[in-house]
Amino acid sequence: ASSNLQPMDIDALCRMLPSIVKLRTLVLDSCNIGDVGCVSIAQTLPLLTGLQLLNLRRNPFTELGASALLEAGSQHPTLDTIVCSGCDALPKSKIHKVCSLEQPI
């Protein structure tokens, strides 16, 4: 099932997420997250110290959102994988560090 998260919803989510101390996996598949939402999530990533996997498949962000996520993710101590369907426009060397590419279904 898909969800239509508005920018205000993403902001609220980003404020709440750091309180989940043992958060290891965050799945936001098909939530209609655009570039603004990706930037908000990227800014929150440093506070999610235990996060290992971020799934953002089937969201309409562009290279701008993907770049923000990869930049933040590449500096994250535990984040191993960002699953997205909008990363393939980025340089391959940067992608393989952080992003597991999957084609949209």
C-alpha atoms as a PDB file:
ATOM      1  CA  ALA A   1       0.000   0.000   0.000  1.00  0.00           C
ATOM      2  CA  SER A   2       1.256   3.447  -0.819  1.00  0.00           C
ATOM      3  CA  SER A   3       1.063   6.533   1.349  1.00  0.00           C
ATOM      4  CA  ASN A   4       1.037  10.164   0.326  1.00  0.00           C
ATOM      5  CA  LEU A   5       3.325  11.921   2.794  1.00  0.00           C
ATOM      6  CA  GLN A   6       3.229  15.704   2.587  1.00  0.00           C
ATOM      7  CA  PRO A   7       6.299  17.860   3.417  1.00  0.00           C
ATOM      8  CA  MET A   8       4.735  18.641   6.812  1.00  0.00           C
ATOM      9  CA  ASP A   9       4.420  14.879   7.477  1.00  0.00           C
ATOM     10  CA  ILE A  10       8.076  14.318   6.546  1.00  0.00           C
ATOM     11  CA  ASP A  11       9.152  17.136   8.883  1.00  0.00           C
ATOM     12  CA  ALA A  12       7.149  15.595  11.752  1.00  0.00           C
ATOM     13  CA  LEU A  13       8.593  12.158  10.981  1.00  0.00           C
ATOM     14  CA  CYS A  14      12.138  13.544  10.951  1.00  0.00           C
ATOM     15  CA  ARG A  15      11.599  15.188  14.346  1.00  0.00           C
ATOM     16  CA  MET A  16      10.267  11.933  15.809  1.00  0.00           C
ATOM     17  CA  LEU A  17      12.750   9.426  14.328  1.00  0.00           C
ATOM     18  CA  PRO A  18      15.761  10.248  16.551  1.00  0.00           C
ATOM     19  CA  SER A  19      13.723   9.210  19.592  1.00  0.00           C
ATOM     20  CA  ILE A  20      13.644   5.613  18.289  1.00  0.00           C
ATOM     21  CA  VAL A  21      16.964   4.550  19.763  1.00  0.00           C
ATOM     22  CA  LYS A  22      17.183   1.074  18.234  1.00  0.00           C
ATOM     23  CA  LEU A  23      16.019   2.004  14.723  1.00  0.00           C
ATOM     24  CA  ARG A  24      17.988  -0.190  12.289  1.00  0.00           C
ATOM     25  CA  THR A  25      15.728  -0.216   9.212  1.00  0.00           C
ATOM     26  CA  LEU A  26      13.552   2.578   7.871  1.00  0.00           C
ATOM     27  CA  VAL A  27      11.153   1.670   5.061  1.00  0.00           C
ATOM     28  CA  LEU A  28       9.453   4.588   3.314  1.00  0.00           C
ATOM     29  CA  ASP A  29       8.554   2.736   0.114  1.00  0.00           C
ATOM     30  CA  SER A  30       5.915   4.394  -2.114  1.00  0.00           C
ATOM     31  CA  CYS A  31       5.328   7.390   0.157  1.00  0.00           C
ATOM     32  CA  ASN A  32       5.465  10.080  -2.539  1.00  0.00           C
ATOM     33  CA  ILE A  33       8.666  11.561  -1.082  1.00  0.00           C
ATOM     34  CA  GLY A  34      10.178  14.204  -3.341  1.00  0.00           C
ATOM     35  CA  ASP A  35      13.438  16.136  -3.254  1.00  0.00           C
ATOM     36  CA  VAL A  36      12.412  18.333  -0.305  1.00  0.00           C
ATOM     37  CA  GLY A  37      11.552  15.233   1.749  1.00  0.00           C
ATOM     38  CA  CYS A  38      14.845  13.576   0.810  1.00  0.00           C
ATOM     39  CA  VAL A  39      16.770  16.646   1.963  1.00  0.00           C
ATOM     40  CA  SER A  40      14.897  16.578   5.292  1.00  0.00           C
ATOM     41  CA  ILE A  41      15.660  12.878   5.715  1.00  0.00           C
ATOM     42  CA  ALA A  42      19.307  13.464   4.774  1.00  0.00           C
ATOM     43  CA  GLN A  43      19.572  16.175   7.432  1.00  0.00           C
ATOM     44  CA  THR A  44      18.138  13.746  10.004  1.00  0.00           C
ATOM     45  CA  LEU A  45      20.455  10.827   9.133  1.00  0.00           C
ATOM     46  CA  PRO A  46      23.304  11.926  11.477  1.00  0.00           C
ATOM     47  CA  LEU A  47      20.878  11.635  14.407  1.00  0.00           C
ATOM     48  CA  LEU A  48      19.907   8.043  13.473  1.00  0.00           C
ATOM     49  CA  THR A  49      23.118   6.511  14.742  1.00  0.00           C
ATOM     50  CA  GLY A  50      22.053   2.861  14.514  1.00  0.00           C
ATOM     51  CA  LEU A  51      20.353   2.995  11.102  1.00  0.00           C
ATOM     52  CA  GLN A  52      21.653   0.333   8.719  1.00  0.00           C
ATOM     53  CA  LEU A  53      19.119   0.338   5.879  1.00  0.00           C
ATOM     54  CA  LEU A  54      17.002   3.111   4.369  1.00  0.00           C
ATOM     55  CA  ASN A  55      14.421   1.996   1.794  1.00  0.00           C
ATOM     56  CA  LEU A  56      13.009   4.801  -0.353  1.00  0.00           C
ATOM     57  CA  ARG A  57      11.958   2.803  -3.413  1.00  0.00           C
ATOM     58  CA  ARG A  58       9.158   4.055  -5.637  1.00  0.00           C
ATOM     59  CA  ASN A  59       9.337   7.694  -4.550  1.00  0.00           C
ATOM     60  CA  PRO A  60       9.387  10.563  -7.072  1.00  0.00           C
ATOM     61  CA  PHE A  61      12.640  12.273  -6.058  1.00  0.00           C
ATOM     62  CA  THR A  62      15.224  13.272  -8.635  1.00  0.00           C
ATOM     63  CA  GLU A  63      19.005  13.427  -8.688  1.00  0.00           C
ATOM     64  CA  LEU A  64      18.837  16.356  -6.245  1.00  0.00           C
ATOM     65  CA  GLY A  65      17.170  14.235  -3.544  1.00  0.00           C
ATOM     66  CA  ALA A  66      19.345  11.209  -4.292  1.00  0.00           C
ATOM     67  CA  SER A  67      22.503  13.337  -4.048  1.00  0.00           C
ATOM     68  CA  ALA A  68      21.484  14.705  -0.640  1.00  0.00           C
ATOM     69  CA  LEU A  69      20.814  11.183   0.642  1.00  0.00           C
ATOM     70  CA  LEU A  70      24.050   9.766  -0.717  1.00  0.00           C
ATOM     71  CA  GLU A  71      26.081  12.665   0.663  1.00  0.00           C
ATOM     72  CA  ALA A  72      24.637  12.190   4.150  1.00  0.00           C
ATOM     73  CA  GLY A  73      24.720   8.395   3.874  1.00  0.00           C
ATOM     74  CA  SER A  74      28.361   8.260   2.821  1.00  0.00           C
ATOM     75  CA  GLN A  75      29.321   9.970   6.098  1.00  0.00           C
ATOM     76  CA  HIS A  76      27.035   7.833   8.278  1.00  0.00           C
ATOM     77  CA  PRO A  77      28.816   5.347  10.566  1.00  0.00           C
ATOM     78  CA  THR A  78      26.369   2.409  10.326  1.00  0.00           C
ATOM     79  CA  LEU A  79      24.203   2.998   7.239  1.00  0.00           C
ATOM     80  CA  ASP A  80      25.086   0.229   4.787  1.00  0.00           C
ATOM     81  CA  THR A  81      22.358   0.556   2.181  1.00  0.00           C
ATOM     82  CA  ILE A  82      20.026   3.122   0.719  1.00  0.00           C
ATOM     83  CA  VAL A  83      17.532   1.381  -1.540  1.00  0.00           C
ATOM     84  CA  CYS A  84      16.060   3.717  -4.110  1.00  0.00           C
ATOM     85  CA  SER A  85      14.891   3.836  -7.690  1.00  0.00           C
ATOM     86  CA  GLY A  86      16.317   7.281  -8.453  1.00  0.00           C
ATOM     87  CA  CYS A  87      20.049   6.797  -7.879  1.00  0.00           C
ATOM     88  CA  ASP A  88      21.171   5.574 -11.289  1.00  0.00           C
ATOM     89  CA  ALA A  89      21.988   9.079 -12.572  1.00  0.00           C
ATOM     90  CA  LEU A  90      24.746   9.487  -9.980  1.00  0.00           C
ATOM     91  CA  PRO A  91      28.398   8.499 -10.443  1.00  0.00           C
ATOM     92  CA  LYS A  92      28.771   4.743 -10.017  1.00  0.00           C
ATOM     93  CA  SER A  93      31.675   4.934  -7.557  1.00  0.00           C
ATOM     94  CA  LYS A  94      29.597   7.028  -5.173  1.00  0.00           C
ATOM     95  CA  ILE A  95      26.569   4.756  -5.530  1.00  0.00           C
ATOM     96  CA  HIS A  96      28.372   1.546  -4.668  1.00  0.00           C
ATOM     97  CA  LYS A  97      29.619   2.975  -1.378  1.00  0.00           C
ATOM     98  CA  VAL A  98      26.125   3.545  -0.053  1.00  0.00           C
ATOM     99  CA  CYS A  99      23.300   2.816  -2.436  1.00  0.00           C
ATOM    100  CA  SER A 100      21.945  -0.557  -3.408  1.00  0.00           C
ATOM    101  CA  LEU A 101      20.326  -0.026  -6.780  1.00  0.00           C
ATOM    102  CA  GLU A 102      17.012  -1.662  -7.470  1.00  0.00           C
ATOM    103  CA  GLN A 103      14.795  -1.083 -10.464  1.00  0.00           C
ATOM    104  CA  PRO A 104      11.208  -0.034  -9.749  1.00  0.00           C
ATOM    105  CA  ILE A 105       8.705  -2.867  -9.971  1.00  0.00           C
END
